């Protein structure tokens, strides 16, 4: 990843955790008591550094839990569910964040920009859970590939850092293993880099297929996170 792109990523996380960019990856465990109203705990882990973010208005309730966090359990979904059980936690992740700032050699044959109507039909076929995880529901531009006229793979770009630079990829179960996901992903990657100079790939740490595709496209891992939405 280019130095300027890496600096943008660090700047983004510094803003999320409300710290100076020079301090964002300080070793140790650091907690930000945020000013915004998001009702939950956000955790970001890089080698040697753990960042926690929680709503400042709920500090009295959450501080005892956050003080007990260790680097070993910071991304442990089971541990968070138990520790925050009183707040009906909904745990999202852990997920890996990866980035790329150079275009990929591409084959744009048969790749098309997909309409909202086609995406709705695609979502019905693939199922709500996978479609939601892919991030395609929030995409502002979607590239697709058809097989016998049927949309079988899609890659979308949603807004991140005010640019269409967050990628989501999904292939219908019956069409997987044929390279379709890679082809639509490359189209979306190159579009994001042309428009924003960087592209982010997020996938659940447990999603081996997505992680493998990101690595094959040269994405660099730059952190792992978990979010815990709470009810107060």
Protein backbone atom coordinates (compact mmCIF):
# COMPACT_ATOMS: atom_id res chain seq x y z
CA UNK A 1 0.00 0.00 0.00
CA UNK A 2 1.32 3.42 -0.90
CA UNK A 3 2.50 5.68 1.91
CA UNK A 4 -0.16 8.32 1.23
CA UNK A 5 -2.89 5.69 1.32
CA UNK A 6 -1.55 4.28 4.57
CA UNK A 7 -1.58 7.79 6.03
CA UNK A 8 -5.22 8.19 5.02
CA UNK A 9 -6.14 4.94 6.75
CA UNK A 10 -4.34 6.00 9.92
CA UNK A 11 -6.06 9.37 9.75
CA UNK A 12 -9.45 7.72 9.45
CA UNK A 13 -8.88 5.61 12.55
CA UNK A 14 -7.47 8.57 14.47
CA UNK A 15 -10.74 10.39 13.78
CA UNK A 16 -12.83 7.38 14.84
CA UNK A 17 -10.98 7.12 18.14
CA UNK A 18 -10.60 10.88 18.62
CA UNK A 19 -6.82 10.85 19.05
CA UNK A 20 -3.88 12.46 17.30
CA UNK A 21 -2.84 10.42 14.28
CA UNK A 22 0.69 10.05 15.65
CA UNK A 23 -0.76 8.15 18.64
CA UNK A 24 -3.26 5.89 16.91
CA UNK A 25 -1.11 2.74 17.10
CA UNK A 26 0.49 3.34 20.49
CA UNK A 27 1.20 0.01 22.19
CA UNK A 28 -1.21 -1.05 24.92
CA UNK A 29 -4.95 -0.83 25.51
CA UNK A 30 -6.58 2.58 25.11
CA UNK A 31 -10.20 3.63 25.63
CA UNK A 32 -12.02 6.55 24.02
CA UNK A 33 -15.18 7.73 25.72
CA UNK A 34 -16.86 9.04 22.60
CA UNK A 35 -19.08 12.07 22.29
CA UNK A 36 -21.38 10.66 19.61
CA UNK A 37 -24.51 8.65 20.50
CA UNK A 38 -23.68 5.26 18.90
CA UNK A 39 -24.96 2.76 21.52
CA UNK A 40 -22.18 0.25 21.81
CA UNK A 41 -18.54 -0.70 22.10
CA UNK A 42 -16.18 -0.72 19.14
CA UNK A 43 -12.88 -2.59 19.29
CA UNK A 44 -9.93 -2.31 16.90
CA UNK A 45 -6.84 -4.49 17.23
CA UNK A 46 -3.47 -4.20 15.55
CA UNK A 47 -0.33 -6.08 16.67
CA UNK A 48 0.56 -4.63 20.05
CA UNK A 49 -2.32 -2.12 20.13
CA UNK A 50 -5.95 -2.36 21.22
CA UNK A 51 -8.35 0.56 20.78
CA UNK A 52 -11.73 0.60 22.53
CA UNK A 53 -14.49 3.09 21.88
CA UNK A 54 -17.66 3.47 23.95
CA UNK A 55 -20.32 6.14 24.56
CA UNK A 56 -19.18 8.64 27.16
CA UNK A 57 -22.67 9.04 28.58
CA UNK A 58 -22.61 5.36 29.63
CA UNK A 59 -19.11 5.43 31.11
CA UNK A 60 -20.17 4.56 34.63
CA UNK A 61 -21.87 1.37 33.41
CA UNK A 62 -19.22 0.26 30.93
CA UNK A 63 -15.90 1.25 32.46
CA UNK A 64 -15.64 -1.78 34.79
CA UNK A 65 -16.08 -4.09 31.78
CA UNK A 66 -13.60 -2.25 29.58
CA UNK A 67 -10.98 -2.11 32.32
CA UNK A 68 -10.95 -5.92 32.37
CA UNK A 69 -10.18 -6.30 28.64
CA UNK A 70 -6.89 -7.97 27.72
CA UNK A 71 -5.16 -8.20 24.32
CA UNK A 72 -5.95 -11.92 24.27
CA UNK A 73 -9.73 -11.52 24.63
CA UNK A 74 -10.32 -8.17 22.91
CA UNK A 75 -11.79 -9.91 19.83
CA UNK A 76 -13.52 -12.74 21.69
CA UNK A 77 -17.21 -12.51 20.77
CA UNK A 78 -18.25 -14.99 23.46
CA UNK A 79 -16.42 -13.04 26.13
CA UNK A 80 -18.13 -9.79 25.09
CA UNK A 81 -21.57 -11.41 25.12
CA UNK A 82 -21.00 -12.65 28.64
CA UNK A 83 -19.44 -9.46 29.95
CA UNK A 84 -22.17 -7.22 28.51
CA UNK A 85 -25.09 -9.62 28.93
CA UNK A 86 -27.04 -7.05 30.97
CA UNK A 87 -27.22 -4.78 27.90
CA UNK A 88 -28.57 -7.37 25.40
CA UNK A 89 -25.47 -7.23 23.21
CA UNK A 90 -25.52 -7.80 19.45
CA UNK A 91 -21.98 -8.71 18.44
CA UNK A 92 -20.77 -7.90 14.93
CA UNK A 93 -17.51 -9.56 13.89
CA UNK A 94 -14.70 -10.05 14.36
CA UNK A 95 -13.89 -8.72 10.91
CA UNK A 96 -10.63 -7.97 9.13
CA UNK A 97 -9.96 -4.64 7.39
CA UNK A 98 -7.71 -4.80 4.31
CA UNK A 99 -6.64 -2.16 1.80
CA UNK A 100 -5.17 -1.68 -1.65
CA UNK A 101 -4.07 1.49 -3.45
CA UNK A 102 -2.83 0.19 -6.82
CA UNK A 103 -5.06 -1.06 -9.64
CA UNK A 104 -5.27 -4.72 -10.61
CA UNK A 105 -4.83 -6.05 -14.15
CA UNK A 106 -8.39 -6.67 -15.25
CA UNK A 107 -10.56 -8.43 -17.78
CA UNK A 108 -13.68 -6.31 -18.21
CA UNK A 109 -15.35 -8.59 -20.76
CA UNK A 110 -19.00 -9.20 -19.90
CA UNK A 111 -18.78 -7.00 -16.78
CA UNK A 112 -21.67 -4.55 -16.52
CA UNK A 113 -23.01 -1.91 -14.19
CA UNK A 114 -26.03 -3.46 -12.50
CA UNK A 115 -29.41 -1.81 -11.96
CA UNK A 116 -31.17 -1.57 -8.59
CA UNK A 117 -33.87 -3.90 -9.92
CA UNK A 118 -31.32 -6.61 -10.73
CA UNK A 119 -29.70 -6.22 -7.33
CA UNK A 120 -33.05 -6.75 -5.61
CA UNK A 121 -33.59 -9.96 -7.58
CA UNK A 122 -30.04 -11.04 -6.78
CA UNK A 123 -30.61 -10.40 -3.07
CA UNK A 124 -33.74 -12.58 -3.13
CA UNK A 125 -31.75 -15.45 -4.66
CA UNK A 126 -28.73 -15.33 -2.40
CA UNK A 127 -30.59 -14.86 0.90
CA UNK A 128 -30.84 -12.01 3.38
CA UNK A 129 -27.96 -13.04 5.66
CA UNK A 130 -25.27 -13.27 3.00
CA UNK A 131 -26.56 -10.21 1.18
CA UNK A 132 -26.42 -8.14 4.36
CA UNK A 133 -22.89 -9.34 5.17
CA UNK A 134 -21.68 -8.44 1.67
CA UNK A 135 -22.51 -4.75 2.08
CA UNK A 136 -24.16 -4.61 -1.34
CA UNK A 137 -27.31 -3.12 0.15
CA UNK A 138 -25.39 0.11 0.76
CA UNK A 139 -23.54 0.15 -2.56
CA UNK A 140 -23.81 3.22 -4.78
CA UNK A 141 -22.33 1.43 -7.82
CA UNK A 142 -22.47 -2.30 -8.52
CA UNK A 143 -20.62 -4.35 -11.13
CA UNK A 144 -22.11 -7.66 -12.21
CA UNK A 145 -21.51 -10.75 -14.30
CA UNK A 146 -24.19 -12.90 -15.87
CA UNK A 147 -24.38 -16.56 -16.79
CA UNK A 148 -27.05 -17.33 -19.40
CA UNK A 149 -28.63 -13.96 -18.71
CA UNK A 150 -28.84 -14.50 -14.94
CA UNK A 151 -26.83 -12.28 -12.59
CA UNK A 152 -24.51 -14.66 -10.73
CA UNK A 153 -21.86 -12.36 -9.20
CA UNK A 154 -21.80 -8.76 -8.01
CA UNK A 155 -19.27 -6.38 -6.50
CA UNK A 156 -20.40 -3.05 -5.11
CA UNK A 157 -18.80 0.12 -3.82
CA UNK A 158 -20.25 1.95 -0.85
CA UNK A 159 -19.08 5.20 0.69
CA UNK A 160 -16.07 5.21 3.00
CA UNK A 161 -14.14 8.38 3.83
CA UNK A 162 -16.68 10.25 1.66
CA UNK A 163 -15.69 8.27 -1.45
CA UNK A 164 -17.07 5.12 -3.15
CA UNK A 165 -14.21 3.01 -1.82
CA UNK A 166 -15.62 0.23 0.39
CA UNK A 167 -16.00 -3.01 -1.58
CA UNK A 168 -18.45 -5.86 -1.12
CA UNK A 169 -18.47 -9.01 -3.25
CA UNK A 170 -21.00 -11.83 -3.52
CA UNK A 171 -21.53 -14.81 -5.84
CA UNK A 172 -24.60 -17.03 -5.97
CA UNK A 173 -23.89 -20.34 -4.18
CA UNK A 174 -24.36 -22.44 -7.32
CA UNK A 175 -21.90 -20.32 -9.33
CA UNK A 176 -19.00 -20.27 -6.89
CA UNK A 177 -15.58 -21.65 -7.71
CA UNK A 178 -15.57 -20.38 -11.32
CA UNK A 179 -13.69 -17.11 -10.83
CA UNK A 180 -16.77 -14.90 -11.22
CA UNK A 181 -16.31 -13.22 -7.83
CA UNK A 182 -12.73 -12.31 -8.67
CA UNK A 183 -13.70 -10.75 -12.00
CA UNK A 184 -16.38 -8.47 -10.57
CA UNK A 185 -14.17 -7.66 -7.60
CA UNK A 186 -11.36 -6.49 -9.88
CA UNK A 187 -13.74 -4.17 -11.72
CA UNK A 188 -14.89 -2.62 -8.44
CA UNK A 189 -11.34 -2.38 -7.06
CA UNK A 190 -10.12 -0.48 -10.10
CA UNK A 191 -13.13 1.82 -10.08
CA UNK A 192 -12.54 2.71 -6.42
CA UNK A 193 -8.84 3.37 -6.95
CA UNK A 194 -9.57 5.55 -9.99
CA UNK A 195 -12.10 7.60 -8.02
CA UNK A 196 -10.65 7.58 -4.50
CA UNK A 197 -7.05 6.36 -4.71
CA UNK A 198 -7.75 3.57 -2.23
CA UNK A 199 -10.16 0.69 -1.65
CA UNK A 200 -11.10 -1.09 1.57
CA UNK A 201 -12.14 -4.73 1.87
CA UNK A 202 -13.89 -5.88 5.04
CA UNK A 203 -14.81 -9.49 5.72
CA UNK A 204 -15.59 -11.64 8.70
CA UNK A 205 -12.47 -13.32 10.01
CA UNK A 206 -14.38 -16.61 9.68
CA UNK A 207 -15.22 -16.06 5.97
CA UNK A 208 -12.36 -18.06 4.46
CA UNK A 209 -13.48 -17.53 0.85
CA UNK A 210 -13.63 -13.75 1.17
CA UNK A 211 -10.32 -13.60 3.02
CA UNK A 212 -8.68 -15.76 0.37
CA UNK A 213 -9.98 -13.59 -2.48
CA UNK A 214 -8.78 -10.40 -0.78
CA UNK A 215 -5.31 -11.85 -0.33
CA UNK A 216 -5.19 -13.05 -3.93
CA UNK A 217 -5.94 -9.48 -5.05
CA UNK A 218 -3.07 -8.08 -3.01
CA UNK A 219 -5.02 -6.45 -0.20
CA UNK A 220 -2.99 -5.71 2.94
CA UNK A 221 -4.52 -6.43 6.34
CA UNK A 222 -4.44 -3.39 8.61
CA UNK A 223 -6.47 -4.35 11.64
CA UNK A 224 -9.24 -6.50 13.02
CA UNK A 225 -12.37 -5.22 14.72
CA UNK A 226 -15.47 -6.20 16.57
CA UNK A 227 -18.55 -4.13 17.32
CA UNK A 228 -21.01 -4.73 20.14
CA UNK A 229 -24.32 -2.91 19.84
CA UNK A 230 -26.00 -2.46 23.23
CA UNK A 231 -29.42 -1.60 24.66
CA UNK A 232 -29.39 0.80 27.61
